């Protein structure tokens, strides 16, 4: 009786492992390589820095006329 339960458990385990291996093999072509991840990280850093510079330039462009108006109104 115990050997039947053990044999059934082994068969079930083998089936589950095979299913996991086939799922992993199906996903493998879609996984990124280490080089691709490093390249994407560099692109993201450049994009974030560029966005920060653009936002700062926009802030200066908006604030400059306001500051100049205030300064011109001083006695």
PDB file of N, CA and C in Angstrom:
ATOM      1  N   UNK A   1       0.821  -1.185   0.000  1.00  0.00           N
ATOM      2  CA  UNK A   1       0.000   0.000   0.000  1.00  0.00           C
ATOM      3  C   UNK A   1       0.876   1.264   0.000  1.00  0.00           C
ATOM      4  N   UNK A   2       1.886   1.274   0.832  1.00  0.00           N
ATOM      5  CA  UNK A   2       2.767   2.437   0.889  1.00  0.00           C
ATOM      6  C   UNK A   2       3.552   2.580  -0.404  1.00  0.00           C
ATOM      7  N   UNK A   3       3.929   1.446  -0.997  1.00  0.00           N
ATOM      8  CA  UNK A   3       4.683   1.501  -2.254  1.00  0.00           C
ATOM      9  C   UNK A   3       3.806   2.013  -3.390  1.00  0.00           C
ATOM     10  N   UNK A   4       2.499   1.709  -3.365  1.00  0.00           N
ATOM     11  CA  UNK A   4       1.580   2.215  -4.380  1.00  0.00           C
ATOM     12  C   UNK A   4       1.450   3.737  -4.257  1.00  0.00           C
ATOM     13  N   UNK A   5       1.366   4.229  -3.042  1.00  0.00           N
ATOM     14  CA  UNK A   5       1.264   5.668  -2.806  1.00  0.00           C
ATOM     15  C   UNK A   5       2.544   6.359  -3.243  1.00  0.00           C
ATOM     16  N   UNK A   6       3.683   5.732  -2.957  1.00  0.00           N
ATOM     17  CA  UNK A   6       4.969   6.307  -3.343  1.00  0.00           C
ATOM     18  C   UNK A   6       5.112   6.313  -4.868  1.00  0.00           C
ATOM     19  N   UNK A   7       4.684   5.256  -5.525  1.00  0.00           N
ATOM     20  CA  UNK A   7       4.773   5.186  -6.987  1.00  0.00           C
ATOM     21  C   UNK A   7       3.869   6.242  -7.625  1.00  0.00           C
ATOM     22  N   UNK A   8       2.676   6.426  -7.062  1.00  0.00           N
ATOM     23  CA  UNK A   8       1.757   7.439  -7.584  1.00  0.00           C
ATOM     24  C   UNK A   8       2.340   8.842  -7.376  1.00  0.00           C
ATOM     25  N   UNK A   9       2.958   9.060  -6.215  1.00  0.00           N
ATOM     26  CA  UNK A   9       3.557  10.359  -5.938  1.00  0.00           C
ATOM     27  C   UNK A   9       4.726  10.624  -6.884  1.00  0.00           C
ATOM     28  N   UNK A  10       5.533   9.600  -7.184  1.00  0.00           N
ATOM     29  CA  UNK A  10       6.650   9.765  -8.106  1.00  0.00           C
ATOM     30  C   UNK A  10       6.159  10.081  -9.515  1.00  0.00           C
ATOM     31  N   UNK A  11       5.103   9.408  -9.942  1.00  0.00           N
ATOM     32  CA  UNK A  11       4.537   9.657 -11.264  1.00  0.00           C
ATOM     33  C   UNK A  11       3.978  11.076 -11.346  1.00  0.00           C
ATOM     34  N   UNK A  12       3.281  11.468 -10.290  1.00  0.00           N
ATOM     35  CA  UNK A  12       2.718  12.820 -10.248  1.00  0.00           C
ATOM     36  C   UNK A  12       3.835  13.867 -10.256  1.00  0.00           C
ATOM     37  N   UNK A  13       4.885  13.626  -9.493  1.00  0.00           N
ATOM     38  CA  UNK A  13       6.011  14.546  -9.435  1.00  0.00           C
ATOM     39  C   UNK A  13       6.710  14.640 -10.790  1.00  0.00           C
ATOM     40  N   UNK A  14       6.897  13.508 -11.441  1.00  0.00           N
ATOM     41  CA  UNK A  14       7.533  13.505 -12.758  1.00  0.00           C
ATOM     42  C   UNK A  14       6.698  14.285 -13.771  1.00  0.00           C
ATOM     43  N   UNK A  15       5.389  14.144 -13.701  1.00  0.00           N
ATOM     44  CA  UNK A  15       4.495  14.874 -14.601  1.00  0.00           C
ATOM     45  C   UNK A  15       4.582  16.374 -14.349  1.00  0.00           C
ATOM     46  N   UNK A  16       4.600  16.759 -13.085  1.00  0.00           N
ATOM     47  CA  UNK A  16       4.672  18.181 -12.741  1.00  0.00           C
ATOM     48  C   UNK A  16       6.007  18.785 -13.144  1.00  0.00           C
ATOM     49  N   UNK A  17       7.104  18.063 -12.940  1.00  0.00           N
ATOM     50  CA  UNK A  17       8.425  18.567 -13.323  1.00  0.00           C
ATOM     51  C   UNK A  17       8.508  18.723 -14.834  1.00  0.00           C
ATOM     52  N   UNK A  18       7.979  17.775 -15.575  1.00  0.00           N
ATOM     53  CA  UNK A  18       7.970  17.865 -17.037  1.00  0.00           C
ATOM     54  C   UNK A  18       7.168  19.075 -17.501  1.00  0.00           C
ATOM     55  N   UNK A  19       6.041  19.327 -16.859  1.00  0.00           N
ATOM     56  CA  UNK A  19       5.229  20.492 -17.221  1.00  0.00           C
ATOM     57  C   UNK A  19       5.974  21.788 -16.923  1.00  0.00           C
ATOM     58  N   UNK A  20       6.677  21.838 -15.794  1.00  0.00           N
ATOM     59  CA  UNK A  20       7.441  23.042 -15.455  1.00  0.00           C
ATOM     60  C   UNK A  20       8.591  23.251 -16.433  1.00  0.00           C
ATOM     61  N   UNK A  21       9.268  22.174 -16.824  1.00  0.00           N
ATOM     62  CA  UNK A  21      10.376  22.297 -17.772  1.00  0.00           C
ATOM     63  C   UNK A  21       9.891  22.756 -19.136  1.00  0.00           C
ATOM     64  N   UNK A  22       8.756  22.251 -19.572  1.00  0.00           N
ATOM     65  CA  UNK A  22       8.247  22.670 -20.884  1.00  0.00           C
ATOM     66  C   UNK A  22       7.786  24.132 -20.847  1.00  0.00           C
ATOM     67  N   UNK A  23       7.227  24.568 -19.726  1.00  0.00           N
ATOM     68  CA  UNK A  23       6.824  25.976 -19.604  1.00  0.00           C
ATOM     69  C   UNK A  23       8.050  26.872 -19.610  1.00  0.00           C
ATOM     70  N   UNK A  24       9.120  26.455 -18.915  1.00  0.00           N
ATOM     71  CA  UNK A  24      10.359  27.231 -18.897  1.00  0.00           C
ATOM     72  C   UNK A  24      10.987  27.292 -20.290  1.00  0.00           C
ATOM     73  N   UNK A  25      10.981  26.175 -20.990  1.00  0.00           N
ATOM     74  CA  UNK A  25      11.545  26.152 -22.344  1.00  0.00           C
ATOM     75  C   UNK A  25      10.731  27.016 -23.302  1.00  0.00           C
ATOM     76  N   UNK A  26       9.422  27.115 -23.089  1.00  0.00           N
ATOM     77  CA  UNK A  26       8.587  27.957 -23.942  1.00  0.00           C
ATOM     78  C   UNK A  26       8.839  29.437 -23.685  1.00  0.00           C
ATOM     79  N   UNK A  27       9.176  29.788 -22.444  1.00  0.00           N
ATOM     80  CA  UNK A  27       9.416  31.195 -22.091  1.00  0.00           C
ATOM     81  C   UNK A  27      10.838  31.649 -22.407  1.00  0.00           C
ATOM     82  N   UNK A  28      11.758  30.729 -22.524  1.00  0.00           N
ATOM     83  CA  UNK A  28      13.174  31.062 -22.684  1.00  0.00           C
ATOM     84  C   UNK A  28      13.455  32.008 -23.853  1.00  0.00           C
ATOM     85  N   UNK A  29      12.850  31.844 -25.036  1.00  0.00           N
ATOM     86  CA  UNK A  29      13.160  32.783 -26.133  1.00  0.00           C
ATOM     87  C   UNK A  29      12.731  34.219 -25.848  1.00  0.00           C
ATOM     88  N   UNK A  30      11.822  34.398 -24.906  1.00  0.00           N
ATOM     89  CA  UNK A  30      11.316  35.735 -24.605  1.00  0.00           C
ATOM     90  C   UNK A  30      12.049  36.414 -23.452  1.00  0.00           C
ATOM     91  N   UNK A  31      12.985  35.698 -22.834  1.00  0.00           N
ATOM     92  CA  UNK A  31      13.724  36.266 -21.706  1.00  0.00           C
ATOM     93  C   UNK A  31      14.868  37.135 -22.214  1.00  0.00           C
ATOM     94  N   UNK A  32      15.148  38.191 -21.492  1.00  0.00           N
ATOM     95  CA  UNK A  32      16.214  39.106 -21.872  1.00  0.00           C
ATOM     96  C   UNK A  32      17.564  38.561 -21.400  1.00  0.00           C
ATOM     97  N   UNK A  33      18.580  38.846 -22.203  1.00  0.00           N
ATOM     98  CA  UNK A  33      19.932  38.457 -21.802  1.00  0.00           C
ATOM     99  C   UNK A  33      20.501  39.538 -20.889  1.00  0.00           C
ATOM    100  N   UNK A  34      21.632  39.228 -20.269  1.00  0.00           N
ATOM    101  CA  UNK A  34      22.266  40.186 -19.372  1.00  0.00           C
ATOM    102  C   UNK A  34      22.681  41.438 -20.134  1.00  0.00           C
ATOM    103  N   UNK A  35      23.180  41.264 -21.353  1.00  0.00           N
ATOM    104  CA  UNK A  35      23.589  42.409 -22.173  1.00  0.00           C
ATOM    105  C   UNK A  35      22.387  43.286 -22.529  1.00  0.00           C
ATOM    106  N   UNK A  36      21.258  42.673 -22.819  1.00  0.00           N
ATOM    107  CA  UNK A  36      20.056  43.446 -23.140  1.00  0.00           C
ATOM    108  C   UNK A  36      19.568  44.237 -21.925  1.00  0.00           C
ATOM    109  N   UNK A  37      19.667  43.648 -20.759  1.00  0.00           N
ATOM    110  CA  UNK A  37      19.245  44.345 -19.544  1.00  0.00           C
ATOM    111  C   UNK A  37      20.164  45.531 -19.268  1.00  0.00           C
ATOM    112  N   UNK A  38      21.472  45.350 -19.457  1.00  0.00           N
ATOM    113  CA  UNK A  38      22.418  46.449 -19.252  1.00  0.00           C
ATOM    114  C   UNK A  38      22.166  47.570 -20.244  1.00  0.00           C
ATOM    115  N   UNK A  39      21.892  47.214 -21.515  1.00  0.00           N
ATOM    116  CA  UNK A  39      21.602  48.228 -22.529  1.00  0.00           C
ATOM    117  C   UNK A  39      20.325  48.990 -22.190  1.00  0.00           C
ATOM    118  N   UNK A  40      19.306  48.285 -21.717  1.00  0.00           N
ATOM    119  CA  UNK A  40      18.049  48.939 -21.347  1.00  0.00           C
ATOM    120  C   UNK A  40      18.253  49.857 -20.148  1.00  0.00           C
ATOM    121  N   UNK A  41      19.081  49.442 -19.200  1.00  0.00           N
ATOM    122  CA  UNK A  41      19.364  50.276 -18.041  1.00  0.00           C
ATOM    123  C   UNK A  41      20.038  51.578 -18.470  1.00  0.00           C
ATOM    124  N   UNK A  42      20.969  51.484 -19.404  1.00  0.00           N
ATOM    125  CA  UNK A  42      21.653  52.687 -19.889  1.00  0.00           C
ATOM    126  C   UNK A  42      20.668  53.615 -20.597  1.00  0.00           C
ATOM    127  N   UNK A  43      19.775  53.040 -21.386  1.00  0.00           N
ATOM    128  CA  UNK A  43      18.770  53.859 -22.070  1.00  0.00           C
ATOM    129  C   UNK A  43      17.854  54.555 -21.063  1.00  0.00           C
ATOM    130  N   UNK A  44      17.451  53.820 -20.022  1.00  0.00           N
ATOM    131  CA  UNK A  44      16.567  54.417 -19.015  1.00  0.00           C
ATOM    132  C   UNK A  44      17.267  55.544 -18.263  1.00  0.00           C
ATOM    133  N   UNK A  45      18.531  55.359 -17.936  1.00  0.00           N
ATOM    134  CA  UNK A  45      19.268  56.412 -17.235  1.00  0.00           C
ATOM    135  C   UNK A  45      19.356  57.656 -18.107  1.00  0.00           C
ATOM    136  N   UNK A  46      19.676  57.472 -19.395  1.00  0.00           N
ATOM    137  CA  UNK A  46      19.751  58.628 -20.291  1.00  0.00           C
ATOM    138  C   UNK A  46      18.394  59.304 -20.425  1.00  0.00           C
ATOM    139  N   UNK A  47      17.329  58.527 -20.489  1.00  0.00           N
ATOM    140  CA  UNK A  47      15.986  59.095 -20.630  1.00  0.00           C
ATOM    141  C   UNK A  47      15.618  59.883 -19.378  1.00  0.00           C
ATOM    142  N   UNK A  48      15.915  59.351 -18.209  1.00  0.00           N
ATOM    143  CA  UNK A  48      15.575  60.037 -16.962  1.00  0.00           C
ATOM    144  C   UNK A  48      16.368  61.328 -16.816  1.00  0.00           C
ATOM    145  N   UNK A  49      17.665  61.279 -17.117  1.00  0.00           N
ATOM    146  CA  UNK A  49      18.490  62.488 -17.032  1.00  0.00           C
ATOM    147  C   UNK A  49      18.009  63.523 -18.043  1.00  0.00           C
ATOM    148  N   UNK A  50      17.722  63.101 -19.257  1.00  0.00           N
ATOM    149  CA  UNK A  50      17.223  64.024 -20.283  1.00  0.00           C
ATOM    150  C   UNK A  50      15.898  64.659 -19.888  1.00  0.00           C
ATOM    151  N   UNK A  51      15.022  63.871 -19.304  1.00  0.00           N
ATOM    152  CA  UNK A  51      13.739  64.405 -18.856  1.00  0.00           C
ATOM    153  C   UNK A  51      13.937  65.425 -17.740  1.00  0.00           C
ATOM    154  N   UNK A  52      14.857  65.149 -16.834  1.00  0.00           N
ATOM    155  CA  UNK A  52      15.143  66.105 -15.753  1.00  0.00           C
ATOM    156  C   UNK A  52      15.681  67.422 -16.296  1.00  0.00           C
ATOM    157  N   UNK A  53      16.573  67.343 -17.273  1.00  0.00           N
ATOM    158  CA  UNK A  53      17.114  68.563 -17.882  1.00  0.00           C
ATOM    159  C   UNK A  53      16.007  69.334 -18.599  1.00  0.00           C
ATOM    160  N   UNK A  54      15.148  68.633 -19.318  1.00  0.00           N
ATOM    161  CA  UNK A  54      14.050  69.290 -20.025  1.00  0.00           C
ATOM    162  C   UNK A  54      13.076  69.945 -19.047  1.00  0.00           C
ATOM    163  N   UNK A  55      12.773  69.277 -17.948  1.00  0.00           N
ATOM    164  CA  UNK A  55      11.871  69.873 -16.959  1.00  0.00           C
ATOM    165  C   UNK A  55      12.493  71.106 -16.313  1.00  0.00           C
ATOM    166  N   UNK A  56      13.798  71.057 -16.041  1.00  0.00           N
ATOM    167  CA  UNK A  56      14.469  72.214 -15.476  1.00  0.00           C
ATOM    168  C   UNK A  56      14.448  73.379 -16.469  1.00  0.00           C
ATOM    169  N   UNK A  57      14.680  73.100 -17.753  1.00  0.00           N
ATOM    170  CA  UNK A  57      14.637  74.147 -18.775  1.00  0.00           C
ATOM    171  C   UNK A  57      13.238  74.744 -18.881  1.00  0.00           C
ATOM    172  N   UNK A  58      12.214  73.901 -18.786  1.00  0.00           N
ATOM    173  CA  UNK A  58      10.845  74.404 -18.827  1.00  0.00           C
ATOM    174  C   UNK A  58      10.553  75.284 -17.606  1.00  0.00           C
ATOM    175  N   UNK A  59      11.044  74.886 -16.462  1.00  0.00           N
ATOM    176  CA  UNK A  59      10.860  75.681 -15.252  1.00  0.00           C
ATOM    177  C   UNK A  59      11.529  77.045 -15.393  1.00  0.00           C
ATOM    178  N   UNK A  60      12.740  77.073 -15.906  1.00  0.00           N
ATOM    179  CA  UNK A  60      13.449  78.335 -16.104  1.00  0.00           C
ATOM    180  C   UNK A  60      12.707  79.199 -17.120  1.00  0.00           C
ATOM    181  N   UNK A  61      12.205  78.578 -18.192  1.00  0.00           N
ATOM    182  CA  UNK A  61      11.490  79.331 -19.220  1.00  0.00           C
ATOM    183  C   UNK A  61      10.211  79.961 -18.673  1.00  0.00           C
ATOM    184  N   UNK A  62       9.545  79.281 -17.783  1.00  0.00           N
ATOM    185  CA  UNK A  62       8.315  79.826 -17.203  1.00  0.00           C
ATOM    186  C   UNK A  62       8.622  80.841 -16.110  1.00  0.00           C
ATOM    187  N   UNK A  63       9.649  80.571 -15.303  1.00  0.00           N
ATOM    188  CA  UNK A  63       9.942  81.439 -14.162  1.00  0.00           C
ATOM    189  C   UNK A  63      10.621  82.744 -14.564  1.00  0.00           C
ATOM    190  N   UNK A  64      11.392  82.753 -15.640  1.00  0.00           N
ATOM    191  CA  UNK A  64      12.138  83.950 -16.028  1.00  0.00           C
ATOM    192  C   UNK A  64      11.239  85.158 -16.274  1.00  0.00           C
ATOM    193  N   UNK A  65      10.180  85.067 -17.076  1.00  0.00           N
ATOM    194  CA  UNK A  65       9.327  86.254 -17.261  1.00  0.00           C
ATOM    195  C   UNK A  65       8.652  86.718 -15.968  1.00  0.00           C
ATOM    196  N   UNK A  66       8.312  85.770 -15.128  1.00  0.00           N
ATOM    197  CA  UNK A  66       7.663  86.130 -13.872  1.00  0.00           C
ATOM    198  C   UNK A  66       8.645  86.892 -12.980  1.00  0.00           C
ATOM    199  N   UNK A  67       9.859  86.402 -12.870  1.00  0.00           N
ATOM    200  CA  UNK A  67      10.871  87.074 -12.049  1.00  0.00           C
ATOM    201  C   UNK A  67      11.209  88.437 -12.636  1.00  0.00           C
ATOM    202  N   UNK A  68      11.354  88.515 -13.938  1.00  0.00           N
ATOM    203  CA  UNK A  68      11.661  89.802 -14.570  1.00  0.00           C
ATOM    204  C   UNK A  68      10.532  90.807 -14.358  1.00  0.00           C
ATOM    205  N   UNK A  69       9.290  90.353 -14.408  1.00  0.00           N
ATOM    206  CA  UNK A  69       8.153  91.238 -14.166  1.00  0.00           C
ATOM    207  C   UNK A  69       8.188  91.763 -12.731  1.00  0.00           C
ATOM    208  N   UNK A  70       8.457  90.852 -11.791  1.00  0.00           N
ATOM    209  CA  UNK A  70       8.510  91.274 -10.389  1.00  0.00           C
ATOM    210  C   UNK A  70       9.651  92.249 -10.147  1.00  0.00           C
ATOM    211  N   UNK A  71      10.799  91.984 -10.740  1.00  0.00           N
ATOM    212  CA  UNK A  71      11.955  92.864 -10.558  1.00  0.00           C
ATOM    213  C   UNK A  71      11.703  94.229 -11.181  1.00  0.00           C
ATOM    214  N   UNK A  72      11.042  94.279 -12.308  1.00  0.00           N
ATOM    215  CA  UNK A  72      10.763  95.560 -12.962  1.00  0.00           C
ATOM    216  C   UNK A  72       9.767  96.411 -12.178  1.00  0.00           C
ATOM    217  N   UNK A  73       8.954  95.802 -11.353  1.00  0.00           N
ATOM    218  CA  UNK A  73       7.950  96.532 -10.567  1.00  0.00           C
ATOM    219  C   UNK A  73       8.520  97.045  -9.243  1.00  0.00           C
ATOM    220  N   UNK A  74       9.747  96.662  -8.898  1.00  0.00           N
ATOM    221  CA  UNK A  74      10.342  97.128  -7.650  1.00  0.00           C
ATOM    222  C   UNK A  74      10.683  98.615  -7.754  1.00  0.00           C
ATOM    223  N   UNK A  75      10.594  99.306  -6.649  1.00  0.00           N
ATOM    224  CA  UNK A  75      10.888 100.745  -6.689  1.00  0.00           C
ATOM    225  C   UNK A  75      12.362 101.058  -6.837  1.00  0.00           C
TER     226      UNK A  75
END
